C-alpha atoms as a PDB file:
ATOM      1  CA  UNK A   1    -213.155  -7.271 -84.152  1.00  0.00           C
ATOM      2  CA  UNK A   2    -214.316  -7.445 -87.881  1.00  0.00           C
ATOM      3  CA  UNK A   3    -214.991  -3.183 -87.393  1.00  0.00           C
ATOM      4  CA  UNK A   4    -211.269  -3.366 -86.221  1.00  0.00           C
ATOM      5  CA  UNK A   5    -209.769  -5.126 -89.508  1.00  0.00           C
ATOM      6  CA  UNK A   6    -212.133  -2.660 -91.503  1.00  0.00           C
ATOM      7  CA  UNK A   7    -210.491  -0.012 -90.055  1.00  0.00           C
ATOM      8  CA  UNK A   8    -207.068  -1.498 -90.047  1.00  0.00           C
ATOM      9  CA  UNK A   9    -207.881  -1.922 -93.962  1.00  0.00           C
ATOM     10  CA  UNK A  10    -208.908   1.270 -94.718  1.00  0.00           C
ATOM     11  CA  UNK A  11    -206.349   2.806 -93.038  1.00  0.00           C
ATOM     12  CA  UNK A  12    -203.507   0.815 -94.747  1.00  0.00           C
ATOM     13  CA  UNK A  13    -205.255   1.711 -98.173  1.00  0.00           C
ATOM     14  CA  UNK A  14    -205.513   5.367 -97.360  1.00  0.00           C
ATOM     15  CA  UNK A  15    -201.547   5.708 -96.440  1.00  0.00           C
ATOM     16  CA  UNK A  16    -200.764   3.375 -99.772  1.00  0.00           C
ATOM     17  CA  UNK A  17    -202.844   6.092-101.898  1.00  0.00           C
ATOM     18  CA  UNK A  18    -201.479   8.626-100.213  1.00  0.00           C
ATOM     19  CA  UNK A  19    -197.896   7.368-100.879  1.00  0.00           C
ATOM     20  CA  UNK A  20    -199.073   6.863-104.455  1.00  0.00           C
ATOM     21  CA  UNK A  21    -199.762  10.415-104.915  1.00  0.00           C
ATOM     22  CA  UNK A  22    -196.783  11.699-102.996  1.00  0.00           C
ATOM     23  CA  UNK A  23    -194.540   9.365-105.685  1.00  0.00           C
ATOM     24  CA  UNK A  24    -196.740  11.222-108.892  1.00  0.00           C
ATOM     25  CA  UNK A  25    -196.437  14.769-107.486  1.00  0.00           C
ATOM     26  CA  UNK A  26    -193.131  14.629-106.727  1.00  0.00           C
ATOM     27  CA  UNK A  27    -192.519  13.370-110.424  1.00  0.00           C
ATOM     28  CA  UNK A  28    -194.762  16.271-111.594  1.00  0.00           C
ATOM     29  CA  UNK A  29    -192.596  18.591-109.912  1.00  0.00           C
ATOM     30  CA  UNK A  30    -189.405  16.512-111.514  1.00  0.00           C
ATOM     31  CA  UNK A  31    -190.650  16.936-115.004  1.00  0.00           C
ATOM     32  CA  UNK A  32    -192.206  20.118-114.823  1.00  0.00           C
ATOM     33  CA  UNK A  33    -188.538  21.330-113.057  1.00  0.00           C
ATOM     34  CA  UNK A  34    -186.094  20.222-115.260  1.00  0.00           C
ATOM     35  CA  UNK A  35    -185.774  23.686-117.167  1.00  0.00           C
ATOM     36  CA  UNK A  36    -184.702  25.269-113.616  1.00  0.00           C
ATOM     37  CA  UNK A  37    -182.166  23.487-112.200  1.00  0.00           C
ATOM     38  CA  UNK A  38    -180.966  20.328-110.857  1.00  0.00           C
ATOM     39  CA  UNK A  39    -183.927  18.264-109.610  1.00  0.00           C
ATOM     40  CA  UNK A  40    -184.340  16.450-106.862  1.00  0.00           C
ATOM     41  CA  UNK A  41    -185.842  12.942-105.762  1.00  0.00           C
ATOM     42  CA  UNK A  42    -187.504  12.722-102.154  1.00  0.00           C
ATOM     43  CA  UNK A  43    -186.585   9.299-101.576  1.00  0.00           C
ATOM     44  CA  UNK A  44    -182.665   9.917-101.776  1.00  0.00           C
ATOM     45  CA  UNK A  45    -180.882  12.264 -99.139  1.00  0.00           C
ATOM     46  CA  UNK A  46    -179.182  14.437-101.606  1.00  0.00           C
ATOM     47  CA  UNK A  47    -175.389  13.919-101.621  1.00  0.00           C
ATOM     48  CA  UNK A  48    -173.121  17.465-101.058  1.00  0.00           C
ATOM     49  CA  UNK A  49    -169.740  17.497-102.478  1.00  0.00           C
ATOM     50  CA  UNK A  50    -167.184  18.724 -99.955  1.00  0.00           C
ATOM     51  CA  UNK A  51    -165.031  21.807-100.609  1.00  0.00           C
ATOM     52  CA  UNK A  52    -162.169  19.881-100.699  1.00  0.00           C
ATOM     53  CA  UNK A  53    -163.743  18.547-103.480  1.00  0.00           C
ATOM     54  CA  UNK A  54    -164.972  21.513-105.038  1.00  0.00           C
ATOM     55  CA  UNK A  55    -161.253  23.150-104.962  1.00  0.00           C
ATOM     56  CA  UNK A  56    -159.461  19.884-106.623  1.00  0.00           C
ATOM     57  CA  UNK A  57    -162.445  19.825-109.148  1.00  0.00           C
ATOM     58  CA  UNK A  58    -161.450  23.808-109.470  1.00  0.00           C
ATOM     59  CA  UNK A  59    -157.862  22.943-111.057  1.00  0.00           C
ATOM     60  CA  UNK A  60    -159.082  22.660-114.713  1.00  0.00           C
ATOM     61  CA  UNK A  61    -162.364  23.968-116.385  1.00  0.00           C
ATOM     62  CA  UNK A  62    -163.225  22.380-119.120  1.00  0.00           C
ATOM     63  CA  UNK A  63    -162.976  24.502-122.623  1.00  0.00           C
ATOM     64  CA  UNK A  64    -165.814  25.548-124.581  1.00  0.00           C
ATOM     65  CA  UNK A  65    -168.419  23.817-121.812  1.00  0.00           C
ATOM     66  CA  UNK A  66    -170.717  26.588-121.573  1.00  0.00           C
ATOM     67  CA  UNK A  67    -171.727  26.580-125.857  1.00  0.00           C
ATOM     68  CA  UNK A  68    -174.271  24.215-126.722  1.00  0.00           C
ATOM     69  CA  UNK A  69    -171.789  23.357-130.018  1.00  0.00           C
ATOM     70  CA  UNK A  70    -168.984  22.486-128.141  1.00  0.00           C
ATOM     71  CA  UNK A  71    -170.544  20.495-125.449  1.00  0.00           C
ATOM     72  CA  UNK A  72    -173.353  19.022-127.253  1.00  0.00           C
ATOM     73  CA  UNK A  73    -175.778  16.530-125.337  1.00  0.00           C
ATOM     74  CA  UNK A  74    -174.729  13.193-126.085  1.00  0.00           C
ATOM     75  CA  UNK A  75    -176.344   9.909-125.039  1.00  0.00           C
ATOM     76  CA  UNK A  76    -174.239   7.303-122.992  1.00  0.00           C
ATOM     77  CA  UNK A  77    -171.057   8.127-124.736  1.00  0.00           C
ATOM     78  CA  UNK A  78    -169.498   7.536-121.221  1.00  0.00           C
ATOM     79  CA  UNK A  79    -170.280   4.113-119.793  1.00  0.00           C
ATOM     80  CA  UNK A  80    -168.716   4.622-116.712  1.00  0.00           C
ATOM     81  CA  UNK A  81    -170.737   7.866-116.208  1.00  0.00           C
ATOM     82  CA  UNK A  82    -173.807   5.757-117.377  1.00  0.00           C
ATOM     83  CA  UNK A  83    -173.180   3.201-114.611  1.00  0.00           C
ATOM     84  CA  UNK A  84    -172.779   5.208-112.008  1.00  0.00           C
ATOM     85  CA  UNK A  85    -175.899   6.940-112.801  1.00  0.00           C
ATOM     86  CA  UNK A  86    -177.917   3.312-113.445  1.00  0.00           C
ATOM     87  CA  UNK A  87    -176.781   2.473-110.000  1.00  0.00           C
ATOM     88  CA  UNK A  88    -178.016   5.698-108.542  1.00  0.00           C
ATOM     89  CA  UNK A  89    -181.662   5.224-109.453  1.00  0.00           C
ATOM     90  CA  UNK A  90    -181.320   1.642-108.161  1.00  0.00           C
ATOM     91  CA  UNK A  91    -180.743   3.046-105.093  1.00  0.00           C
ATOM     92  CA  UNK A  92    -183.524   5.407-105.075  1.00  0.00           C
ATOM     93  CA  UNK A  93    -185.413   2.317-105.926  1.00  0.00           C
ATOM     94  CA  UNK A  94    -184.439   0.186-103.387  1.00  0.00           C
ATOM     95  CA  UNK A  95    -185.015   3.307-100.987  1.00  0.00           C
ATOM     96  CA  UNK A  96    -188.684   3.524-101.978  1.00  0.00           C
ATOM     97  CA  UNK A  97    -191.688   2.088-100.708  1.00  0.00           C
ATOM     98  CA  UNK A  98    -193.870   2.654-103.683  1.00  0.00           C
ATOM     99  CA  UNK A  99    -191.357   2.785-106.521  1.00  0.00           C
ATOM    100  CA  UNK A 100    -191.352  -0.880-108.090  1.00  0.00           C
ATOM    101  CA  UNK A 101    -188.778   0.039-111.018  1.00  0.00           C
ATOM    102  CA  UNK A 102    -186.790   2.410-113.441  1.00  0.00           C
ATOM    103  CA  UNK A 103    -186.874   1.110-117.081  1.00  0.00           C
ATOM    104  CA  UNK A 104    -185.507   2.406-119.995  1.00  0.00           C
ATOM    105  CA  UNK A 105    -182.737   4.579-118.325  1.00  0.00           C
ATOM    106  CA  UNK A 106    -181.370   6.521-120.749  1.00  0.00           C
ATOM    107  CA  UNK A 107    -178.360   8.988-119.893  1.00  0.00           C
ATOM    108  CA  UNK A 108    -177.753  11.853-121.723  1.00  0.00           C
ATOM    109  CA  UNK A 109    -174.359  14.225-120.753  1.00  0.00           C
ATOM    110  CA  UNK A 110    -172.650  17.761-121.054  1.00  0.00           C
ATOM    111  CA  UNK A 111    -169.428  17.971-119.898  1.00  0.00           C
ATOM    112  CA  UNK A 112    -169.291  19.734-116.719  1.00  0.00           C
ATOM    113  CA  UNK A 113    -167.950  23.052-115.984  1.00  0.00           C
ATOM    114  CA  UNK A 114    -164.484  21.213-114.159  1.00  0.00           C
ATOM    115  CA  UNK A 115    -162.402  18.542-115.353  1.00  0.00           C
ATOM    116  CA  UNK A 116    -163.876  14.936-114.415  1.00  0.00           C
ATOM    117  CA  UNK A 117    -167.378  16.315-113.889  1.00  0.00           C
ATOM    118  CA  UNK A 118    -170.690  16.009-116.156  1.00  0.00           C
ATOM    119  CA  UNK A 119    -174.045  17.017-115.450  1.00  0.00           C
ATOM    120  CA  UNK A 120    -176.483  13.649-116.594  1.00  0.00           C
ATOM    121  CA  UNK A 121    -180.143  14.714-117.845  1.00  0.00           C
ATOM    122  CA  UNK A 122    -182.012  11.156-117.049  1.00  0.00           C
ATOM    123  CA  UNK A 123    -184.819   9.985-119.404  1.00  0.00           C
ATOM    124  CA  UNK A 124    -186.404   6.948-117.467  1.00  0.00           C
ATOM    125  CA  UNK A 125    -190.101   5.450-117.565  1.00  0.00           C
ATOM    126  CA  UNK A 126    -191.149   4.856-113.873  1.00  0.00           C
ATOM    127  CA  UNK A 127    -193.019   1.684-112.532  1.00  0.00           C
ATOM    128  CA  UNK A 128    -195.406   2.655-109.657  1.00  0.00           C
ATOM    129  CA  UNK A 129    -196.782  -0.284-107.611  1.00  0.00           C
ATOM    130  CA  UNK A 130    -200.452  -0.804-108.325  1.00  0.00           C
ATOM    131  CA  UNK A 131    -200.572   1.376-111.260  1.00  0.00           C
ATOM    132  CA  UNK A 132    -200.220  -0.218-114.452  1.00  0.00           C
ATOM    133  CA  UNK A 133    -199.320   2.644-116.660  1.00  0.00           C
ATOM    134  CA  UNK A 134    -195.244   3.164-116.850  1.00  0.00           C
ATOM    135  CA  UNK A 135    -194.897   6.761-116.574  1.00  0.00           C
ATOM    136  CA  UNK A 136    -192.129   9.175-118.191  1.00  0.00           C
ATOM    137  CA  UNK A 137    -190.019  11.238-116.367  1.00  0.00           C
ATOM    138  CA  UNK A 138    -186.589  12.910-116.162  1.00  0.00           C
ATOM    139  CA  UNK A 139    -183.798  14.001-113.612  1.00  0.00           C
ATOM    140  CA  UNK A 140    -181.158  15.981-113.545  1.00  0.00           C
ATOM    141  CA  UNK A 141    -177.609  14.819-111.509  1.00  0.00           C
ATOM    142  CA  UNK A 142    -174.134  16.047-111.067  1.00  0.00           C
ATOM    143  CA  UNK A 143    -171.181  13.405-111.454  1.00  0.00           C
ATOM    144  CA  UNK A 144    -167.854  13.592-110.429  1.00  0.00           C
ATOM    145  CA  UNK A 145    -164.831  11.511-110.538  1.00  0.00           C
ATOM    146  CA  UNK A 146    -162.608  11.360-107.240  1.00  0.00           C
ATOM    147  CA  UNK A 147    -158.910  10.624-107.125  1.00  0.00           C
ATOM    148  CA  UNK A 148    -158.971   6.612-107.372  1.00  0.00           C
ATOM    149  CA  UNK A 149    -161.299   7.129-110.379  1.00  0.00           C
ATOM    150  CA  UNK A 150    -164.650   6.357-108.715  1.00  0.00           C
ATOM    151  CA  UNK A 151    -167.342   8.118-109.493  1.00  0.00           C
ATOM    152  CA  UNK A 152    -170.073   9.903-107.520  1.00  0.00           C
ATOM    153  CA  UNK A 153    -173.576  11.006-108.651  1.00  0.00           C
ATOM    154  CA  UNK A 154    -175.311  13.619-106.564  1.00  0.00           C
ATOM    155  CA  UNK A 155    -178.930  15.562-107.080  1.00  0.00           C
ATOM    156  CA  UNK A 156    -177.493  18.684-105.296  1.00  0.00           C
ATOM    157  CA  UNK A 157    -174.370  20.366-105.282  1.00  0.00           C
ATOM    158  CA  UNK A 158    -172.909  23.031-102.783  1.00  0.00           C
ATOM    159  CA  UNK A 159    -170.937  25.476-105.269  1.00  0.00           C
ATOM    160  CA  UNK A 160    -172.866  28.036-106.300  1.00  0.00           C
ATOM    161  CA  UNK A 161    -170.690  28.426-109.907  1.00  0.00           C
ATOM    162  CA  UNK A 162    -171.407  24.620-110.457  1.00  0.00           C
ATOM    163  CA  UNK A 163    -175.327  25.375-109.697  1.00  0.00           C
ATOM    164  CA  UNK A 164    -175.530  28.659-112.080  1.00  0.00           C
ATOM    165  CA  UNK A 165    -173.559  26.783-114.742  1.00  0.00           C
ATOM    166  CA  UNK A 166    -176.259  23.736-114.598  1.00  0.00           C
ATOM    167  CA  UNK A 167    -178.975  26.158-114.662  1.00  0.00           C
ATOM    168  CA  UNK A 168    -177.149  27.892-118.120  1.00  0.00           C
ATOM    169  CA  UNK A 169    -176.575  25.119-119.953  1.00  0.00           C
ATOM    170  CA  UNK A 170    -180.297  23.246-119.074  1.00  0.00           C
ATOM    171  CA  UNK A 171    -181.530  26.265-121.422  1.00  0.00           C
ATOM    172  CA  UNK A 172    -179.430  24.942-124.190  1.00  0.00           C
ATOM    173  CA  UNK A 173    -181.767  23.814-127.094  1.00  0.00           C
ATOM    174  CA  UNK A 174    -180.763  20.259-126.819  1.00  0.00           C
ATOM    175  CA  UNK A 175    -181.864  19.840-123.556  1.00  0.00           C
ATOM    176  CA  UNK A 176    -184.922  21.601-123.796  1.00  0.00           C
ATOM    177  CA  UNK A 177    -185.731  19.495-126.916  1.00  0.00           C
ATOM    178  CA  UNK A 178    -185.272  16.701-124.371  1.00  0.00           C
ATOM    179  CA  UNK A 179    -187.782  18.124-121.494  1.00  0.00           C
ATOM    180  CA  UNK A 180    -190.404  19.045-124.018  1.00  0.00           C
ATOM    181  CA  UNK A 181    -190.195  15.483-125.379  1.00  0.00           C
ATOM    182  CA  UNK A 182    -190.166  13.972-121.971  1.00  0.00           C
ATOM    183  CA  UNK A 183    -192.912  16.195-121.015  1.00  0.00           C
ATOM    184  CA  UNK A 184    -195.047  15.085-123.772  1.00  0.00           C
ATOM    185  CA  UNK A 185    -194.898  11.670-122.918  1.00  0.00           C
ATOM    186  CA  UNK A 186    -195.853  11.912-119.869  1.00  0.00           C
ATOM    187  CA  UNK A 187    -198.839  13.578-120.825  1.00  0.00           C
ATOM    188  CA  UNK A 188    -199.865  10.961-123.394  1.00  0.00           C
ATOM    189  CA  UNK A 189    -199.328   8.219-120.500  1.00  0.00           C
ATOM    190  CA  UNK A 190    -201.810  10.385-117.694  1.00  0.00           C
ATOM    191  CA  UNK A 191    -204.424  11.084-121.017  1.00  0.00           C
ATOM    192  CA  UNK A 192    -204.091   6.922-121.202  1.00  0.00           C
ATOM    193  CA  UNK A 193    -204.498   5.839-117.982  1.00  0.00           C
ATOM    194  CA  UNK A 194    -207.547   6.329-115.688  1.00  0.00           C
ATOM    195  CA  UNK A 195    -205.968   5.332-112.499  1.00  0.00           C
ATOM    196  CA  UNK A 196    -203.547   7.879-113.110  1.00  0.00           C
ATOM    197  CA  UNK A 197    -205.409  10.588-113.649  1.00  0.00           C
ATOM    198  CA  UNK A 198    -207.861  10.010-110.357  1.00  0.00           C
ATOM    199  CA  UNK A 199    -204.963   9.923-108.480  1.00  0.00           C
ATOM    200  CA  UNK A 200    -203.714  13.415-109.749  1.00  0.00           C
ATOM    201  CA  UNK A 201    -206.588  14.091-109.538  1.00  0.00           C
ATOM    202  CA  UNK A 202    -206.761  13.530-105.867  1.00  0.00           C
ATOM    203  CA  UNK A 203    -203.369  14.741-105.813  1.00  0.00           C
ATOM    204  CA  UNK A 204    -204.185  18.677-107.260  1.00  0.00           C
ATOM    205  CA  UNK A 205    -207.042  18.518-104.414  1.00  0.00           C
ATOM    206  CA  UNK A 206    -204.951  17.594-101.521  1.00  0.00           C
ATOM    207  CA  UNK A 207    -202.258  19.690-102.511  1.00  0.00           C
ATOM    208  CA  UNK A 208    -204.850  22.818-102.857  1.00  0.00           C
ATOM    209  CA  UNK A 209    -206.604  22.213 -99.746  1.00  0.00           C
ATOM    210  CA  UNK A 210    -203.011  22.119 -97.801  1.00  0.00           C
ATOM    211  CA  UNK A 211    -201.923  24.806 -99.321  1.00  0.00           C
ATOM    212  CA  UNK A 212    -205.073  27.064 -99.175  1.00  0.00           C
ATOM    213  CA  UNK A 213    -205.000  28.216-102.997  1.00  0.00           C
END
């Protein structure tokens, strides 16, 4: 009986550690991939914008949206967009077994390619269960407003023009500066916590074993 309990406890701890490692792996991808387009979260099944909605969006483009000078990165300049994005991250937390909270959420926005759309760059500190140090991270989401005035947040877009537009504005200097700041904060957090470092080392080994590299 005691041996059975020990085995069950070991399996439970192993599952918990594997889950934490998965979260950290996704975080590394998230911070590193921010410069390449939309980032993704495992906990959220990405919502795809319907073709009908995309056609509605294309009725009018935002003039000057491709230029950093005329479309600068602004922090929490659209309260409704900020509320929608914060709600989105609350839903990610609720669906995750390992994320305790997203703290210090700051929503930076640029106008999207089409009217009533935004690209939001979301800076946060992620509290992972059983790990004391909060991990700085950054996500990129696409925000649209429907005909009823409701805002919708998605980690993926189906329209290639919109996806290409997002990848282009991610290269703006102000966005790149935010990415660099987040990466620096992330590395500082990792260096400050031995448990976090250990989990990342385990992750690296697990990843290399799974890919044979």
